[in-house]
Amino acid sequence: MLQYIELNDLPSIGSGNDKRIWAADLTGKFTVANVVQQIREKYQQVNWAKYVWSPYIHPYTSCNVWKMLRGACATEENIRKKGFNTVSKCYLCGNGQDNMEHILWECSFSLEIWNLLVGMFSLNTPTKFDEVITCVKKHSPAIRHIWYISAFSMMAELWMTRNLRID
């Protein structure tokens, strides 16, 4: 590279000697991975991440559930938070507000589907995400995995059904 560029032709940003502005990691080496770890924005640990990002959950489903739990879905409630005025109505049942709480846990359409699903597993109908996780704690790992796959997929499908009804 130096055969094409003369060092004297490079622009000088400041005067004086160069100085190192990034410290090495514990091993004494400078790595890009170390820099990324130092500058990335760190979020508070959540207890549901290990369930949502499990290897037996399809990545498409994990991504959608993660968006729902992080509040990254474009509900009318989130649009109002950005300063827009909207009239909110659930697109699935016609009652209640268009927010994730209602869509997943309170909507009459969603409750019918939850009742069908929990009936197959002989569980109580969850009223929040934490209950989806805890209701199968005493069951075998196989039952837990099937439940998580079913419940998370259903949550994603409820969201997609709501999005189809908007049009």
C-alpha atoms as a PDB file:
ATOM      1  CA  MET A   1       0.000   0.000   0.000  1.00  0.00           C
ATOM      2  CA  LEU A   2       2.847   2.364   0.809  1.00  0.00           C
ATOM      3  CA  GLN A   3       4.153   1.912  -2.710  1.00  0.00           C
ATOM      4  CA  TYR A   4       1.156   3.896  -4.020  1.00  0.00           C
ATOM      5  CA  ILE A   5       0.878   6.534  -1.288  1.00  0.00           C
ATOM      6  CA  GLU A   6       3.599   8.818  -0.089  1.00  0.00           C
ATOM      7  CA  LEU A   7       3.501   9.315   3.671  1.00  0.00           C
ATOM      8  CA  ASN A   8       4.127  13.041   3.193  1.00  0.00           C
ATOM      9  CA  ASP A   9       0.962  13.290   1.054  1.00  0.00           C
ATOM     10  CA  LEU A  10      -1.319  12.124   3.878  1.00  0.00           C
ATOM     11  CA  PRO A  11      -3.164  14.928   5.646  1.00  0.00           C
ATOM     12  CA  SER A  12      -2.132  15.806   9.159  1.00  0.00           C
ATOM     13  CA  ILE A  13      -4.991  16.168  11.631  1.00  0.00           C
ATOM     14  CA  GLY A  14      -3.066  17.790  14.438  1.00  0.00           C
ATOM     15  CA  SER A  15       0.371  18.695  15.514  1.00  0.00           C
ATOM     16  CA  GLY A  16       2.434  16.793  18.044  1.00  0.00           C
ATOM     17  CA  ASN A  17       3.168  13.168  18.658  1.00  0.00           C
ATOM     18  CA  ASP A  18       0.622  10.411  18.297  1.00  0.00           C
ATOM     19  CA  LYS A  19      -0.786   8.856  21.405  1.00  0.00           C
ATOM     20  CA  ARG A  20      -2.741   5.704  22.079  1.00  0.00           C
ATOM     21  CA  ILE A  21      -6.348   6.409  23.042  1.00  0.00           C
ATOM     22  CA  TRP A  22      -7.550   2.816  23.496  1.00  0.00           C
ATOM     23  CA  ALA A  23      -6.168   0.595  26.206  1.00  0.00           C
ATOM     24  CA  ALA A  24      -5.443  -3.065  25.642  1.00  0.00           C
ATOM     25  CA  ASP A  25      -7.660  -5.708  27.205  1.00  0.00           C
ATOM     26  CA  LEU A  26      -6.679  -7.989  30.086  1.00  0.00           C
ATOM     27  CA  THR A  27      -4.586 -10.185  27.795  1.00  0.00           C
ATOM     28  CA  GLY A  28      -2.602  -7.173  26.589  1.00  0.00           C
ATOM     29  CA  LYS A  29      -3.942  -7.353  23.031  1.00  0.00           C
ATOM     30  CA  PHE A  30      -5.968  -4.807  21.095  1.00  0.00           C
ATOM     31  CA  THR A  31      -8.891  -6.473  19.314  1.00  0.00           C
ATOM     32  CA  VAL A  32     -11.929  -5.213  17.459  1.00  0.00           C
ATOM     33  CA  ALA A  33     -14.145  -7.459  19.610  1.00  0.00           C
ATOM     34  CA  ASN A  34     -12.791  -5.747  22.729  1.00  0.00           C
ATOM     35  CA  VAL A  35     -13.533  -2.308  21.288  1.00  0.00           C
ATOM     36  CA  VAL A  36     -17.083  -3.356  20.384  1.00  0.00           C
ATOM     37  CA  GLN A  37     -17.655  -4.593  23.938  1.00  0.00           C
ATOM     38  CA  GLN A  38     -16.404  -1.304  25.367  1.00  0.00           C
ATOM     39  CA  ILE A  39     -18.566   0.984  23.206  1.00  0.00           C
ATOM     40  CA  ARG A  40     -21.756  -1.044  22.775  1.00  0.00           C
ATOM     41  CA  GLU A  41     -24.869  -0.027  24.638  1.00  0.00           C
ATOM     42  CA  LYS A  42     -25.539  -2.515  27.417  1.00  0.00           C
ATOM     43  CA  TYR A  43     -29.094  -3.265  28.468  1.00  0.00           C
ATOM     44  CA  GLN A  44     -30.412  -4.645  31.713  1.00  0.00           C
ATOM     45  CA  GLN A  45     -30.548  -8.443  31.813  1.00  0.00           C
ATOM     46  CA  VAL A  46     -34.029  -9.886  31.306  1.00  0.00           C
ATOM     47  CA  ASN A  47     -35.146 -13.228  32.706  1.00  0.00           C
ATOM     48  CA  TRP A  48     -36.981 -14.322  29.559  1.00  0.00           C
ATOM     49  CA  ALA A  49     -34.073 -14.124  27.076  1.00  0.00           C
ATOM     50  CA  LYS A  50     -32.845 -17.688  27.644  1.00  0.00           C
ATOM     51  CA  TYR A  51     -36.314 -19.035  26.824  1.00  0.00           C
ATOM     52  CA  VAL A  52     -36.960 -16.867  23.772  1.00  0.00           C
ATOM     53  CA  TRP A  53     -33.498 -17.456  22.259  1.00  0.00           C
ATOM     54  CA  SER A  54     -33.400 -21.218  22.926  1.00  0.00           C
ATOM     55  CA  PRO A  55     -31.995 -23.438  20.162  1.00  0.00           C
ATOM     56  CA  TYR A  56     -35.305 -25.306  19.837  1.00  0.00           C
ATOM     57  CA  ILE A  57     -37.260 -22.094  19.056  1.00  0.00           C
ATOM     58  CA  HIS A  58     -37.171 -21.075  15.404  1.00  0.00           C
ATOM     59  CA  PRO A  59     -35.229 -17.795  14.945  1.00  0.00           C
ATOM     60  CA  TYR A  60     -38.192 -16.180  13.148  1.00  0.00           C
ATOM     61  CA  THR A  61     -40.389 -16.843  16.167  1.00  0.00           C
ATOM     62  CA  SER A  62     -37.683 -15.728  18.601  1.00  0.00           C
ATOM     63  CA  CYS A  63     -37.254 -12.435  16.737  1.00  0.00           C
ATOM     64  CA  ASN A  64     -40.970 -11.705  16.765  1.00  0.00           C
ATOM     65  CA  VAL A  65     -41.424 -12.570  20.441  1.00  0.00           C
ATOM     66  CA  TRP A  66     -38.354 -10.488  21.292  1.00  0.00           C
ATOM     67  CA  LYS A  67     -39.886  -7.500  19.443  1.00  0.00           C
ATOM     68  CA  MET A  68     -43.174  -7.933  21.296  1.00  0.00           C
ATOM     69  CA  LEU A  69     -41.520  -8.150  24.700  1.00  0.00           C
ATOM     70  CA  ARG A  70     -39.258  -5.168  23.979  1.00  0.00           C
ATOM     71  CA  GLY A  71     -42.198  -3.038  22.816  1.00  0.00           C
ATOM     72  CA  ALA A  72     -40.785  -2.688  19.302  1.00  0.00           C
ATOM     73  CA  CYS A  73     -44.041  -3.505  17.484  1.00  0.00           C
ATOM     74  CA  ALA A  74     -45.929  -0.766  15.696  1.00  0.00           C
ATOM     75  CA  THR A  75     -49.121  -0.734  17.729  1.00  0.00           C
ATOM     76  CA  GLU A  76     -51.269   2.377  17.895  1.00  0.00           C
ATOM     77  CA  GLU A  77     -50.127   2.787  21.488  1.00  0.00           C
ATOM     78  CA  ASN A  78     -46.497   3.060  20.325  1.00  0.00           C
ATOM     79  CA  ILE A  79     -47.485   5.438  17.535  1.00  0.00           C
ATOM     80  CA  ARG A  80     -49.214   7.702  20.090  1.00  0.00           C
ATOM     81  CA  LYS A  81     -46.041   7.678  22.209  1.00  0.00           C
ATOM     82  CA  LYS A  82     -44.276   9.283  19.239  1.00  0.00           C
ATOM     83  CA  GLY A  83     -46.730  12.184  19.260  1.00  0.00           C
ATOM     84  CA  PHE A  84     -49.316  11.108  16.684  1.00  0.00           C
ATOM     85  CA  ASN A  85     -53.022  11.240  17.496  1.00  0.00           C
ATOM     86  CA  THR A  86     -54.892   8.061  16.690  1.00  0.00           C
ATOM     87  CA  VAL A  87     -58.171   6.465  17.638  1.00  0.00           C
ATOM     88  CA  SER A  88     -57.297   3.060  18.995  1.00  0.00           C
ATOM     89  CA  LYS A  89     -59.351  -0.085  18.585  1.00  0.00           C
ATOM     90  CA  CYS A  90     -58.302  -3.721  18.646  1.00  0.00           C
ATOM     91  CA  TYR A  91     -58.242  -5.075  15.100  1.00  0.00           C
ATOM     92  CA  LEU A  92     -58.973  -8.614  16.256  1.00  0.00           C
ATOM     93  CA  CYS A  93     -62.012  -8.197  18.519  1.00  0.00           C
ATOM     94  CA  GLY A  94     -63.105  -4.588  17.949  1.00  0.00           C
ATOM     95  CA  ASN A  95     -62.956  -3.828  21.675  1.00  0.00           C
ATOM     96  CA  GLY A  96     -60.154  -2.447  23.780  1.00  0.00           C
ATOM     97  CA  GLN A  97     -56.980  -0.606  22.875  1.00  0.00           C
ATOM     98  CA  ASP A  98     -54.541  -1.645  20.162  1.00  0.00           C
ATOM     99  CA  ASN A  99     -51.593  -2.517  22.398  1.00  0.00           C
ATOM    100  CA  MET A 100     -49.595  -5.693  22.977  1.00  0.00           C
ATOM    101  CA  GLU A 101     -51.071  -6.239  26.439  1.00  0.00           C
ATOM    102  CA  HIS A 102     -54.582  -6.372  24.991  1.00  0.00           C
ATOM    103  CA  ILE A 103     -53.666  -8.272  21.812  1.00  0.00           C
ATOM    104  CA  LEU A 104     -51.865 -11.083  23.632  1.00  0.00           C
ATOM    105  CA  TRP A 105     -53.662 -11.409  26.966  1.00  0.00           C
ATOM    106  CA  GLU A 106     -57.049  -9.637  26.990  1.00  0.00           C
ATOM    107  CA  CYS A 107     -58.545  -9.808  23.483  1.00  0.00           C
ATOM    108  CA  SER A 108     -61.503 -12.213  23.225  1.00  0.00           C
ATOM    109  CA  PHE A 109     -60.064 -13.633  19.964  1.00  0.00           C
ATOM    110  CA  SER A 110     -56.706 -14.298  21.654  1.00  0.00           C
ATOM    111  CA  LEU A 111     -58.333 -15.761  24.757  1.00  0.00           C
ATOM    112  CA  GLU A 112     -60.185 -18.349  22.663  1.00  0.00           C
ATOM    113  CA  ILE A 113     -56.923 -19.459  21.075  1.00  0.00           C
ATOM    114  CA  TRP A 114     -55.092 -19.484  24.427  1.00  0.00           C
ATOM    115  CA  ASN A 115     -57.901 -21.610  25.882  1.00  0.00           C
ATOM    116  CA  LEU A 116     -57.522 -24.137  23.050  1.00  0.00           C
ATOM    117  CA  LEU A 117     -53.762 -24.285  23.528  1.00  0.00           C
ATOM    118  CA  VAL A 118     -53.764 -24.574  27.331  1.00  0.00           C
ATOM    119  CA  GLY A 119     -56.505 -27.208  27.054  1.00  0.00           C
ATOM    120  CA  MET A 120     -54.093 -29.441  25.121  1.00  0.00           C
ATOM    121  CA  PHE A 121     -51.517 -29.097  27.889  1.00  0.00           C
ATOM    122  CA  SER A 122     -53.976 -29.023  30.835  1.00  0.00           C
ATOM    123  CA  LEU A 123     -52.613 -25.669  32.009  1.00  0.00           C
ATOM    124  CA  ASN A 124     -54.168 -22.433  33.215  1.00  0.00           C
ATOM    125  CA  THR A 125     -54.577 -19.617  30.720  1.00  0.00           C
ATOM    126  CA  PRO A 126     -51.652 -17.187  31.090  1.00  0.00           C
ATOM    127  CA  THR A 127     -52.414 -13.510  31.643  1.00  0.00           C
ATOM    128  CA  LYS A 128     -48.856 -12.265  31.089  1.00  0.00           C
ATOM    129  CA  PHE A 129     -45.632 -13.523  29.587  1.00  0.00           C
ATOM    130  CA  ASP A 130     -44.077 -14.549  32.896  1.00  0.00           C
ATOM    131  CA  GLU A 131     -46.923 -17.021  33.359  1.00  0.00           C
ATOM    132  CA  VAL A 132     -46.148 -18.580  29.960  1.00  0.00           C
ATOM    133  CA  ILE A 133     -42.699 -19.388  31.322  1.00  0.00           C
ATOM    134  CA  THR A 134     -43.629 -20.448  34.858  1.00  0.00           C
ATOM    135  CA  CYS A 135     -46.728 -22.561  34.143  1.00  0.00           C
ATOM    136  CA  VAL A 136     -44.613 -25.495  32.907  1.00  0.00           C
ATOM    137  CA  LYS A 137     -41.729 -25.310  35.396  1.00  0.00           C
ATOM    138  CA  LYS A 138     -42.663 -28.643  37.033  1.00  0.00           C
ATOM    139  CA  HIS A 139     -43.126 -30.514  33.750  1.00  0.00           C
ATOM    140  CA  SER A 140     -40.547 -32.552  31.866  1.00  0.00           C
ATOM    141  CA  PRO A 141     -38.066 -30.781  29.552  1.00  0.00           C
ATOM    142  CA  ALA A 142     -39.806 -32.245  26.491  1.00  0.00           C
ATOM    143  CA  ILE A 143     -43.188 -30.852  27.556  1.00  0.00           C
ATOM    144  CA  ARG A 144     -41.596 -27.480  28.385  1.00  0.00           C
ATOM    145  CA  HIS A 145     -39.942 -27.283  24.970  1.00  0.00           C
ATOM    146  CA  ILE A 146     -43.163 -28.166  23.148  1.00  0.00           C
ATOM    147  CA  TRP A 147     -45.090 -25.654  25.264  1.00  0.00           C
ATOM    148  CA  TYR A 148     -42.590 -22.843  24.603  1.00  0.00           C
ATOM    149  CA  ILE A 149     -42.578 -23.576  20.876  1.00  0.00           C
ATOM    150  CA  SER A 150     -46.397 -23.613  20.798  1.00  0.00           C
ATOM    151  CA  ALA A 151     -46.936 -20.560  22.994  1.00  0.00           C
ATOM    152  CA  PHE A 152     -44.268 -18.412  21.326  1.00  0.00           C
ATOM    153  CA  SER A 153     -45.462 -19.408  17.847  1.00  0.00           C
ATOM    154  CA  MET A 154     -49.007 -18.556  18.838  1.00  0.00           C
ATOM    155  CA  MET A 155     -47.914 -15.149  20.130  1.00  0.00           C
ATOM    156  CA  ALA A 156     -46.167 -14.451  16.822  1.00  0.00           C
ATOM    157  CA  GLU A 157     -49.202 -15.643  14.850  1.00  0.00           C
ATOM    158  CA  LEU A 158     -51.549 -13.445  16.883  1.00  0.00           C
ATOM    159  CA  TRP A 159     -49.350 -10.483  16.031  1.00  0.00           C
ATOM    160  CA  MET A 160     -49.261 -11.421  12.329  1.00  0.00           C
ATOM    161  CA  THR A 161     -53.042 -11.941  12.288  1.00  0.00           C
ATOM    162  CA  ARG A 162     -53.499  -8.500  13.821  1.00  0.00           C
ATOM    163  CA  ASN A 163     -51.249  -7.021  11.111  1.00  0.00           C
ATOM    164  CA  LEU A 164     -53.260  -8.744   8.360  1.00  0.00           C
ATOM    165  CA  ARG A 165     -56.496  -7.278   9.739  1.00  0.00           C
ATOM    166  CA  ILE A 166     -55.146  -3.706   9.506  1.00  0.00           C
ATOM    167  CA  ASP A 167     -55.331  -3.706   5.699  1.00  0.00           C
END
